[in-house]
Amino acid sequence: VTGIDEVNYQGQTVRLIRVRNPWGQVEWNGAWSDNSSEWDSLSPSEKQQLHHTALDDGEFWMKFEDFLSNFEKVEICNLTPDALEDNAAHKWEVSIHQGSWVRGATAGGCRNFIETFWTNPQFKLQLTEKDEGQDECTFVAALMQKNRRKLRKLGAALLTIGYAIYESPDKDEHLTKDFFRYHASRAKSKSYINLREVSDRFELPPGDYIIVPTTYEPQQEADFCLRVFSEKRVVTKEMDGNVNIDLPEIPEPTQPQEETEEEKQFRDLFKQISGPDMEISAEDLQYILNAALEKTKIEFQKIRLLSCQNIISSM
C-alpha cells in the first residue's frame, strides 16, 4: 500500500487506495485502474495530486471497497519497533550481528537435532535495565536470511529459520551439547518458517541470555543478520569457541566428462530460449525436451505440457 486519498465522483465521496505489485507489470483492471473511465471525471489538477499515470509499472489505484473484497490479509512492516506507536520521540538501541551457517561447522539445525544444534552461532544478550515501572526488560529479536532473493535465480529458495533464547550460565564461552541436552529454552521465535525475516517481541527479567539462530534442517548454508532492538541499553556479543563435530567425509567430486556434440547442441538450445536470466516457461521446457529426445534413437511419446509444469513447480 503506497497511498490513500478521497475524490468526489458523481456527487459522492469515494475512498481510494494505491497498491504496488512488487513484481511489476500485473495490475488491477477494475474501477479506478490506470485506464478506467472513472479518471475522465477528474480535473487535471486532481489527477496530478493523485500522481495518476497509465504506466504498466505495477502501481495502481482502486476503490477501498474493492481492496477489501480482493485482499484477505495485510502485513505491516515496521522498520523500527517504535514505528507503530504514538508520535512521541523514542530512542531505540539496536545491536546488529552478521553471521553464517556453514555446513560441517556452524549449520546445526534446530533443537530437534541435539547432536549438532550446539554448533550453531551463539550470541550473548545482557539485559541490565528494567522497563519503567516493570520488573522485566523488553526487546525485539529479528533474524533475517541474507541474499536469498539474489540467489533465487541460482535455485536457492528461502530456508526455514528461527531462533531460541536460553538463560546463560556464568561463563563466557560457546555452550556445548550437554548444556542444551539438559536445559530448556526460556523463549523462542513463534515458529520456524521459510520467510526472509522472523521477529518477535519478548519480556524477560534482567540477566544474561544466549540467542541461538538456526535453520530448521542441519547442514543448510546461508548468511544471516541478527538484530536486537531495545528501549533500554543491552549488551550483545558473539560467543567464541571451538566447534568440532564428526561428519562423514565429503567424497571427492568426480571429474566431469567432456560434453558430446548432442549435449552441446542441447545446451546451446537452452541458452537461446532462456535468455540471459536462464529461466524458461513450461512451454519452453516442453519444446526443449522433445527436441532433445528427437535427436536420440529412443522411441518415446512426446512430453506433455502438464509434465513440464510439474517439473518447474517442483524446482
Protein backbone atom coordinates (compact mmCIF):
# COMPACT_ATOMS: atom_id res chain seq x y z
CA VAL A 1 0.00 0.00 0.00
CA THR A 2 1.61 3.25 -1.15
CA GLY A 3 -1.16 5.83 -0.75
CA ILE A 4 -4.71 6.65 0.28
CA ASP A 5 -6.98 9.54 -0.74
CA GLU A 6 -10.57 10.62 -1.34
CA VAL A 7 -12.14 12.04 -4.52
CA ASN A 8 -15.55 13.44 -5.42
CA TYR A 9 -17.10 11.20 -8.09
CA GLN A 10 -20.64 11.80 -9.39
CA GLY A 11 -21.55 13.72 -6.25
CA GLN A 12 -20.23 11.06 -3.85
CA THR A 13 -17.03 10.77 -1.87
CA VAL A 14 -15.01 7.77 -3.00
CA ARG A 15 -12.19 6.38 -0.89
CA LEU A 16 -9.21 5.26 -2.97
CA ILE A 17 -6.17 3.21 -2.07
CA ARG A 18 -2.98 2.91 -4.11
CA VAL A 19 -1.32 -0.50 -4.27
CA ARG A 20 2.01 -1.54 -5.73
CA ASN A 21 2.70 -5.02 -7.04
CA PRO A 22 6.41 -5.53 -6.19
CA TRP A 23 6.79 -7.90 -9.14
CA GLY A 24 5.60 -5.16 -11.52
CA GLN A 25 3.54 -5.42 -14.72
CA VAL A 26 0.41 -7.20 -13.43
CA GLU A 27 -2.15 -4.62 -12.24
CA TRP A 28 -5.78 -4.22 -11.17
CA ASN A 29 -8.07 -3.67 -14.18
CA GLY A 30 -11.35 -2.78 -12.45
CA ALA A 31 -12.77 0.59 -11.36
CA TRP A 32 -10.14 3.31 -10.92
CA SER A 33 -7.44 1.22 -12.59
CA ASP A 34 -4.93 3.09 -14.76
CA ASN A 35 -7.07 3.28 -17.90
CA SER A 36 -10.56 3.12 -16.40
CA SER A 37 -13.26 5.64 -17.37
CA GLU A 38 -13.59 6.96 -13.80
CA TRP A 39 -10.50 9.11 -14.28
CA ASP A 40 -12.22 11.09 -17.06
CA SER A 41 -14.42 12.82 -14.46
CA LEU A 42 -11.42 14.27 -12.57
CA SER A 43 -9.68 17.52 -13.41
CA PRO A 44 -6.01 17.56 -14.46
CA SER A 45 -5.09 19.07 -11.07
CA GLU A 46 -6.86 16.25 -9.22
CA LYS A 47 -5.07 13.65 -11.34
CA GLN A 48 -1.76 15.37 -10.64
CA GLN A 49 -2.48 15.39 -6.90
CA LEU A 50 -3.03 11.62 -7.04
CA HIS A 51 0.05 11.14 -9.27
CA HIS A 52 -2.13 9.26 -11.73
CA THR A 53 -0.23 7.61 -14.58
CA ALA A 54 -1.24 4.98 -17.10
CA LEU A 55 2.00 3.03 -16.99
CA ASP A 56 2.41 -0.73 -16.72
CA ASP A 57 4.64 -0.26 -13.66
CA GLY A 58 2.82 -2.44 -11.12
CA GLU A 59 1.28 0.50 -9.20
CA PHE A 60 -2.44 1.28 -9.39
CA TRP A 61 -5.43 2.84 -7.62
CA MET A 62 -8.61 1.02 -6.62
CA LYS A 63 -11.72 1.69 -4.53
CA PHE A 64 -11.27 0.83 -0.87
CA GLU A 65 -14.28 -1.50 -1.07
CA ASP A 66 -12.65 -3.39 -3.98
CA PHE A 67 -9.46 -3.64 -1.94
CA LEU A 68 -11.37 -5.25 0.94
CA SER A 69 -13.09 -7.75 -1.35
CA ASN A 70 -9.90 -8.79 -3.20
CA PHE A 71 -7.37 -8.97 -0.37
CA GLU A 72 -7.66 -11.07 2.76
CA LYS A 73 -4.54 -10.13 4.69
CA VAL A 74 -2.36 -7.05 5.22
CA GLU A 75 1.13 -7.36 6.69
CA ILE A 76 2.71 -4.23 8.14
CA CYS A 77 6.48 -3.95 8.00
CA ASN A 78 7.62 -1.67 10.83
CA LEU A 79 11.18 -0.62 10.04
CA THR A 80 11.89 0.09 13.70
CA PRO A 81 9.99 -1.15 16.78
CA ASP A 82 8.60 2.32 17.54
CA ALA A 83 7.01 2.81 14.10
CA LEU A 84 3.58 1.67 15.31
CA GLU A 85 3.46 3.74 18.49
CA ASP A 86 2.39 7.34 19.08
CA ASN A 87 4.24 10.39 17.83
CA ALA A 88 6.31 10.74 20.99
CA ALA A 89 10.04 10.51 20.38
CA HIS A 90 11.59 7.17 21.29
CA LYS A 91 15.23 6.25 21.15
CA TRP A 92 15.72 2.57 20.48
CA GLU A 93 19.05 0.86 20.86
CA VAL A 94 19.95 -1.69 18.20
CA SER A 95 22.68 -4.33 18.09
CA ILE A 96 23.49 -5.93 14.74
CA HIS A 97 25.42 -9.14 14.20
CA GLN A 98 26.31 -10.72 10.86
CA GLY A 99 26.84 -14.47 10.70
CA SER A 100 26.76 -17.59 8.56
CA TRP A 101 25.53 -21.14 8.77
CA VAL A 102 28.33 -23.23 7.26
CA ARG A 103 27.96 -26.93 6.50
CA GLY A 104 30.15 -29.04 8.74
CA ALA A 105 30.86 -26.13 11.09
CA THR A 106 28.00 -23.84 12.15
CA ALA A 107 24.90 -25.22 10.40
CA GLY A 108 23.50 -27.33 13.22
CA GLY A 109 19.77 -27.11 12.56
CA CYS A 110 17.06 -26.67 15.22
CA ARG A 111 16.82 -28.20 18.72
CA ASN A 112 15.35 -31.41 17.23
CA PHE A 113 18.90 -32.21 16.09
CA ILE A 114 20.58 -32.20 19.51
CA GLU A 115 23.84 -33.72 18.21
CA THR A 116 24.55 -30.66 16.07
CA PHE A 117 22.29 -27.91 17.49
CA TRP A 118 25.04 -26.63 19.78
CA THR A 119 27.32 -25.89 16.81
CA ASN A 120 25.10 -23.04 15.59
CA PRO A 121 26.33 -19.47 16.14
CA GLN A 122 25.56 -18.23 19.66
CA PHE A 123 25.13 -14.63 20.81
CA LYS A 124 25.13 -13.43 24.41
CA LEU A 125 22.46 -10.92 25.39
CA GLN A 126 22.84 -8.97 28.64
CA LEU A 127 19.65 -7.31 29.90
CA THR A 128 20.52 -4.85 32.66
CA GLU A 129 17.79 -2.17 32.81
CA LYS A 130 14.14 -2.91 33.56
CA ASP A 131 11.32 -1.15 31.74
CA GLU A 132 9.94 1.83 33.62
CA GLY A 133 7.57 0.60 36.32
CA GLN A 134 8.08 -3.03 35.30
CA ASP A 135 10.11 -5.99 36.54
CA GLU A 136 11.16 -7.15 33.07
CA CYS A 137 13.12 -5.92 30.07
CA THR A 138 11.50 -5.60 26.65
CA PHE A 139 13.39 -6.29 23.43
CA VAL A 140 12.73 -7.35 19.85
CA ALA A 141 14.88 -10.04 18.19
CA ALA A 142 14.84 -10.12 14.38
CA LEU A 143 16.60 -12.81 12.33
CA MET A 144 16.97 -12.24 8.58
CA GLN A 145 18.49 -14.56 5.98
CA LYS A 146 20.55 -12.56 3.53
CA ASN A 147 20.84 -12.53 -0.26
CA ARG A 148 18.19 -15.21 -0.89
CA ARG A 149 16.40 -13.07 -3.49
CA LYS A 150 19.66 -12.57 -5.34
CA LEU A 151 20.38 -16.31 -5.22
CA ARG A 152 16.88 -17.28 -6.35
CA LYS A 153 17.95 -17.45 -9.99
CA LEU A 154 20.58 -19.97 -8.97
CA GLY A 155 17.91 -22.18 -7.44
CA ALA A 156 18.29 -21.08 -3.81
CA ALA A 157 14.94 -20.92 -2.02
CA LEU A 158 14.19 -19.28 1.32
CA LEU A 159 15.28 -21.52 4.17
CA THR A 160 13.10 -22.31 7.17
CA ILE A 161 14.63 -20.31 10.04
CA GLY A 162 14.03 -19.42 13.70
CA TYR A 163 15.85 -18.96 16.99
CA ALA A 164 15.80 -19.97 20.63
CA ILE A 165 16.81 -18.00 23.74
CA TYR A 166 18.39 -19.66 26.79
CA GLU A 167 19.40 -18.41 30.21
CA SER A 168 23.18 -18.14 30.16
CA PRO A 169 25.38 -19.90 32.71
CA ASP A 170 28.12 -17.92 34.46
CA LYS A 171 30.77 -18.35 31.80
CA ASP A 172 31.74 -16.61 28.58
CA GLU A 173 32.21 -19.47 26.16
CA HIS A 174 30.38 -21.34 23.43
CA LEU A 175 27.82 -23.62 25.07
CA THR A 176 28.20 -27.34 24.44
CA LYS A 177 25.82 -30.13 23.56
CA ASP A 178 25.40 -31.17 27.22
CA PHE A 179 24.04 -27.75 28.16
CA PHE A 180 21.26 -27.89 25.55
CA ARG A 181 20.50 -31.50 26.39
CA TYR A 182 19.54 -30.61 29.98
CA HIS A 183 18.26 -27.03 29.71
CA ALA A 184 15.03 -25.83 28.09
CA SER A 185 14.78 -22.57 26.19
CA ARG A 186 13.42 -19.54 28.03
CA ALA A 187 11.89 -18.04 24.86
CA LYS A 188 11.90 -18.67 21.13
CA SER A 189 10.53 -17.44 17.82
CA LYS A 190 6.87 -18.35 17.39
CA SER A 191 7.61 -20.88 14.69
CA TYR A 192 10.18 -21.99 12.17
CA ILE A 193 9.06 -20.63 8.82
CA ASN A 194 10.53 -20.02 5.36
CA LEU A 195 10.36 -16.22 5.46
CA ARG A 196 13.09 -13.72 4.72
CA GLU A 197 12.88 -12.48 8.32
CA VAL A 198 11.32 -13.68 11.57
CA SER A 199 10.94 -11.33 14.52
CA ASP A 200 9.23 -11.34 17.91
CA ARG A 201 8.93 -9.12 20.97
CA PHE A 202 9.96 -10.56 24.34
CA GLU A 203 9.82 -9.54 28.01
CA LEU A 204 12.42 -11.23 30.21
CA PRO A 205 13.85 -10.49 33.67
CA PRO A 206 17.27 -8.79 33.81
CA GLY A 207 20.11 -11.25 33.31
CA ASP A 208 22.32 -12.92 30.74
CA TYR A 209 20.85 -14.93 27.87
CA ILE A 210 22.07 -16.82 24.81
CA ILE A 211 20.35 -16.41 21.43
CA VAL A 212 20.85 -19.32 19.03
CA PRO A 213 19.77 -18.53 15.42
CA THR A 214 19.30 -21.64 13.28
CA THR A 215 17.86 -23.16 10.16
CA TYR A 216 15.31 -25.91 10.76
CA GLU A 217 17.33 -28.60 8.98
CA PRO A 218 21.04 -29.07 9.75
CA GLN A 219 23.77 -28.59 7.14
CA GLN A 220 21.90 -25.83 5.27
CA GLU A 221 24.15 -22.93 4.33
CA ALA A 222 23.23 -19.25 4.33
CA ASP A 223 24.31 -15.85 5.61
CA PHE A 224 22.15 -14.14 8.22
CA CYS A 225 21.74 -10.90 10.13
CA LEU A 226 20.59 -10.89 13.77
CA ARG A 227 19.25 -7.59 15.18
CA VAL A 228 18.23 -6.89 18.76
CA PHE A 229 16.16 -3.75 19.45
CA SER A 230 15.55 -2.41 22.96
CA GLU A 231 14.43 0.82 24.59
CA LYS A 232 16.92 0.32 27.40
CA ARG A 233 20.58 -0.41 26.98
CA VAL A 234 21.54 -4.02 26.26
CA VAL A 235 24.89 -5.62 25.52
CA THR A 236 25.26 -8.33 22.89
CA LYS A 237 28.32 -10.21 21.68
CA GLU A 238 29.10 -13.36 19.74
CA MET A 239 30.33 -16.31 21.76
CA ASP A 240 33.65 -17.75 20.66
CA GLY A 241 34.67 -21.35 20.94
CA ASN A 242 35.94 -24.38 19.10
CA VAL A 243 33.25 -26.36 17.35
CA ASN A 244 34.28 -29.88 16.40
CA ILE A 245 31.74 -32.40 15.20
CA ASP A 246 32.15 -35.69 13.40
CA LEU A 247 30.67 -35.61 9.93
CA PRO A 248 31.21 -38.12 7.15
CA GLU A 249 33.93 -37.05 4.78
CA ILE A 250 32.66 -35.36 1.66
CA PRO A 251 33.53 -37.53 -1.35
CA GLU A 252 35.85 -36.08 -3.95
CA PRO A 253 33.90 -34.71 -6.90
CA THR A 254 34.06 -36.85 -10.00
CA GLN A 255 35.79 -35.36 -12.98
CA PRO A 256 33.26 -34.02 -15.46
CA GLN A 257 33.18 -35.88 -18.73
CA GLU A 258 33.63 -33.95 -21.92
CA GLU A 259 30.32 -32.93 -23.46
CA THR A 260 29.17 -34.77 -26.52
CA GLU A 261 28.14 -32.86 -29.61
CA GLU A 262 24.48 -33.58 -28.86
CA GLU A 263 24.86 -32.24 -25.29
CA LYS A 264 26.48 -29.05 -26.61
CA GLN A 265 23.62 -28.55 -29.06
CA PHE A 266 21.14 -29.14 -26.23
CA ARG A 267 22.90 -26.58 -24.00
CA ASP A 268 23.03 -24.02 -26.84
CA LEU A 269 19.32 -24.51 -27.48
CA PHE A 270 18.54 -23.96 -23.80
CA LYS A 271 20.62 -20.74 -23.68
CA GLN A 272 18.99 -19.47 -26.86
CA ILE A 273 15.47 -19.95 -25.48
CA SER A 274 16.06 -18.99 -21.82
CA GLY A 275 17.91 -15.75 -22.47
CA PRO A 276 20.28 -14.01 -20.02
CA ASP A 277 18.14 -14.75 -16.94
CA MET A 278 18.40 -18.53 -17.61
CA GLU A 279 14.68 -19.01 -16.89
CA ILE A 280 12.16 -20.84 -19.07
CA SER A 281 8.42 -21.44 -19.09
CA ALA A 282 6.70 -24.83 -19.13
CA GLU A 283 6.08 -24.42 -22.86
CA ASP A 284 9.78 -23.71 -23.45
CA LEU A 285 10.78 -26.76 -21.41
CA GLN A 286 8.36 -28.95 -23.37
CA TYR A 287 9.88 -27.78 -26.66
CA ILE A 288 13.48 -28.28 -25.46
CA LEU A 289 12.92 -31.79 -24.07
CA ASN A 290 11.03 -33.01 -27.11
CA ALA A 291 13.65 -31.50 -29.43
CA ALA A 292 16.45 -33.22 -27.48
CA LEU A 293 14.69 -36.60 -27.43
CA GLU A 294 14.01 -36.46 -31.15
CA LYS A 295 17.78 -36.44 -31.75
CA THR A 296 18.18 -39.73 -29.90
CA LYS A 297 17.41 -43.25 -31.12
CA ILE A 298 14.99 -43.82 -28.26
CA GLU A 299 11.32 -44.38 -29.03
CA PHE A 300 9.26 -42.06 -26.88
CA GLN A 301 5.88 -40.39 -26.54
CA LYS A 302 6.01 -36.63 -26.74
CA ILE A 303 6.30 -35.00 -23.32
CA ARG A 304 3.07 -33.32 -22.24
CA LEU A 305 2.79 -29.74 -21.06
CA LEU A 306 1.38 -30.87 -17.69
CA SER A 307 4.54 -32.89 -17.02
CA CYS A 308 6.69 -29.83 -17.70
CA GLN A 309 4.53 -27.69 -15.40
CA ASN A 310 5.02 -30.25 -12.63
CA ILE A 311 8.79 -30.27 -13.20
CA ILE A 312 9.02 -26.47 -12.91
CA SER A 313 6.74 -26.26 -9.86
CA SER A 314 8.92 -28.77 -8.00
CA MET A 315 12.12 -26.77 -8.53
